[in-house]
């Protein structure tokens, strides 16, 4: 039987994190895991981060992961929202 999880590579401020996620969960569930794995889990709450695909499109993190149809080896990019972080 196939694994019920999907592996998603998330780049946080240039640092990669490989996150295993349930495809039936909202996309936002990968954010705290990626932040923790890259040591960015202090200072900014999850809602201060944007998740984008390789083309720079902002992803709706309230949608279930399976709705995006991510291919194997997908890379997403997590960054602080504009104007956040003392800028």
C-alpha atoms as a PDB file:
ATOM      1  CA  UNK A   1       0.000   0.000   0.000  1.00  0.00           C
ATOM      2  CA  UNK A   2       1.265   3.467  -0.850  1.00  0.00           C
ATOM      3  CA  UNK A   3       2.398   5.829   1.865  1.00  0.00           C
ATOM      4  CA  UNK A   4      -0.358   8.236   2.937  1.00  0.00           C
ATOM      5  CA  UNK A   5       2.195  11.059   3.021  1.00  0.00           C
ATOM      6  CA  UNK A   6       3.867  13.263   0.441  1.00  0.00           C
ATOM      7  CA  UNK A   7       7.372  14.675   0.794  1.00  0.00           C
ATOM      8  CA  UNK A   8       7.632  18.377   0.016  1.00  0.00           C
ATOM      9  CA  UNK A   9      10.927  20.239  -0.214  1.00  0.00           C
ATOM     10  CA  UNK A  10      10.509  23.686   1.301  1.00  0.00           C
ATOM     11  CA  UNK A  11      13.204  26.321   0.967  1.00  0.00           C
ATOM     12  CA  UNK A  12      13.243  28.707   3.939  1.00  0.00           C
ATOM     13  CA  UNK A  13      15.523  31.723   3.482  1.00  0.00           C
ATOM     14  CA  UNK A  14      17.760  29.618   1.226  1.00  0.00           C
ATOM     15  CA  UNK A  15      17.848  26.595   3.561  1.00  0.00           C
ATOM     16  CA  UNK A  16      16.099  23.407   2.387  1.00  0.00           C
ATOM     17  CA  UNK A  17      13.788  21.333   4.558  1.00  0.00           C
ATOM     18  CA  UNK A  18      12.135  18.078   3.535  1.00  0.00           C
ATOM     19  CA  UNK A  19       8.696  17.860   5.108  1.00  0.00           C
ATOM     20  CA  UNK A  20       6.512  14.769   5.099  1.00  0.00           C
ATOM     21  CA  UNK A  21       2.859  15.808   4.995  1.00  0.00           C
ATOM     22  CA  UNK A  22      -0.592  14.252   4.893  1.00  0.00           C
ATOM     23  CA  UNK A  23      -2.141  15.152   1.509  1.00  0.00           C
ATOM     24  CA  UNK A  24      -5.543  15.546   3.202  1.00  0.00           C
ATOM     25  CA  UNK A  25      -4.231  18.262   5.550  1.00  0.00           C
ATOM     26  CA  UNK A  26      -4.234  21.992   4.810  1.00  0.00           C
ATOM     27  CA  UNK A  27      -1.017  23.217   3.204  1.00  0.00           C
ATOM     28  CA  UNK A  28      -0.358  25.497   6.198  1.00  0.00           C
ATOM     29  CA  UNK A  29       0.521  22.403   8.277  1.00  0.00           C
ATOM     30  CA  UNK A  30       3.908  22.152   6.521  1.00  0.00           C
ATOM     31  CA  UNK A  31       4.989  25.657   7.580  1.00  0.00           C
ATOM     32  CA  UNK A  32       5.810  25.000  11.270  1.00  0.00           C
ATOM     33  CA  UNK A  33       7.619  21.784  10.326  1.00  0.00           C
ATOM     34  CA  UNK A  34       9.779  23.572   7.754  1.00  0.00           C
ATOM     35  CA  UNK A  35      10.506  26.447  10.145  1.00  0.00           C
ATOM     36  CA  UNK A  36      11.529  24.051  12.905  1.00  0.00           C
ATOM     37  CA  UNK A  37      13.751  21.988  10.609  1.00  0.00           C
ATOM     38  CA  UNK A  38      15.586  25.097   9.373  1.00  0.00           C
ATOM     39  CA  UNK A  39      15.884  26.747  12.809  1.00  0.00           C
ATOM     40  CA  UNK A  40      13.488  29.562  11.914  1.00  0.00           C
ATOM     41  CA  UNK A  41      10.826  28.523  14.415  1.00  0.00           C
ATOM     42  CA  UNK A  42      11.414  31.431  16.794  1.00  0.00           C
ATOM     43  CA  UNK A  43      10.531  35.074  16.411  1.00  0.00           C
ATOM     44  CA  UNK A  44       7.771  35.023  13.798  1.00  0.00           C
ATOM     45  CA  UNK A  45       4.396  33.252  13.975  1.00  0.00           C
ATOM     46  CA  UNK A  46       3.249  30.989  11.127  1.00  0.00           C
ATOM     47  CA  UNK A  47       0.802  33.599   9.812  1.00  0.00           C
ATOM     48  CA  UNK A  48       3.723  35.967   9.034  1.00  0.00           C
ATOM     49  CA  UNK A  49       5.075  33.614   6.352  1.00  0.00           C
ATOM     50  CA  UNK A  50       4.137  33.258   2.674  1.00  0.00           C
ATOM     51  CA  UNK A  51       4.439  29.989   0.779  1.00  0.00           C
ATOM     52  CA  UNK A  52       5.056  30.178  -2.965  1.00  0.00           C
ATOM     53  CA  UNK A  53       5.703  27.742  -5.779  1.00  0.00           C
ATOM     54  CA  UNK A  54       8.794  27.803  -8.003  1.00  0.00           C
ATOM     55  CA  UNK A  55       7.085  30.304 -10.320  1.00  0.00           C
ATOM     56  CA  UNK A  56       6.533  32.746  -7.433  1.00  0.00           C
ATOM     57  CA  UNK A  57       2.779  32.179  -7.202  1.00  0.00           C
ATOM     58  CA  UNK A  58       1.414  32.693  -3.684  1.00  0.00           C
ATOM     59  CA  UNK A  59      -0.274  29.492  -2.520  1.00  0.00           C
ATOM     60  CA  UNK A  60      -3.496  29.399  -0.510  1.00  0.00           C
ATOM     61  CA  UNK A  61      -2.348  27.543   2.588  1.00  0.00           C
ATOM     62  CA  UNK A  62      -5.931  26.872   3.721  1.00  0.00           C
ATOM     63  CA  UNK A  63      -6.387  24.461   0.791  1.00  0.00           C
ATOM     64  CA  UNK A  64      -5.692  20.745   1.229  1.00  0.00           C
ATOM     65  CA  UNK A  65      -2.280  19.664  -0.033  1.00  0.00           C
ATOM     66  CA  UNK A  66      -3.832  17.167  -2.456  1.00  0.00           C
ATOM     67  CA  UNK A  67      -5.688  19.949  -4.316  1.00  0.00           C
ATOM     68  CA  UNK A  68      -2.392  21.340  -5.635  1.00  0.00           C
ATOM     69  CA  UNK A  69      -1.411  18.096  -7.394  1.00  0.00           C
ATOM     70  CA  UNK A  70       2.254  18.503  -6.451  1.00  0.00           C
ATOM     71  CA  UNK A  71       4.589  16.314  -8.478  1.00  0.00           C
ATOM     72  CA  UNK A  72       7.361  14.256  -6.910  1.00  0.00           C
ATOM     73  CA  UNK A  73      10.337  16.477  -6.134  1.00  0.00           C
ATOM     74  CA  UNK A  74       8.257  19.646  -5.810  1.00  0.00           C
ATOM     75  CA  UNK A  75      10.030  22.616  -4.225  1.00  0.00           C
ATOM     76  CA  UNK A  76       8.152  25.385  -2.447  1.00  0.00           C
ATOM     77  CA  UNK A  77       9.550  28.611  -1.065  1.00  0.00           C
ATOM     78  CA  UNK A  78       8.727  30.014   2.362  1.00  0.00           C
ATOM     79  CA  UNK A  79       9.552  33.617   3.183  1.00  0.00           C
ATOM     80  CA  UNK A  80       8.412  36.340   5.528  1.00  0.00           C
ATOM     81  CA  UNK A  81       5.575  38.450   4.198  1.00  0.00           C
ATOM     82  CA  UNK A  82       6.562  41.878   2.926  1.00  0.00           C
ATOM     83  CA  UNK A  83       6.834  44.432   5.713  1.00  0.00           C
ATOM     84  CA  UNK A  84       7.262  41.822   8.462  1.00  0.00           C
ATOM     85  CA  UNK A  85      10.364  41.323  10.539  1.00  0.00           C
ATOM     86  CA  UNK A  86      11.377  44.849  11.378  1.00  0.00           C
ATOM     87  CA  UNK A  87      11.798  45.988   7.784  1.00  0.00           C
END
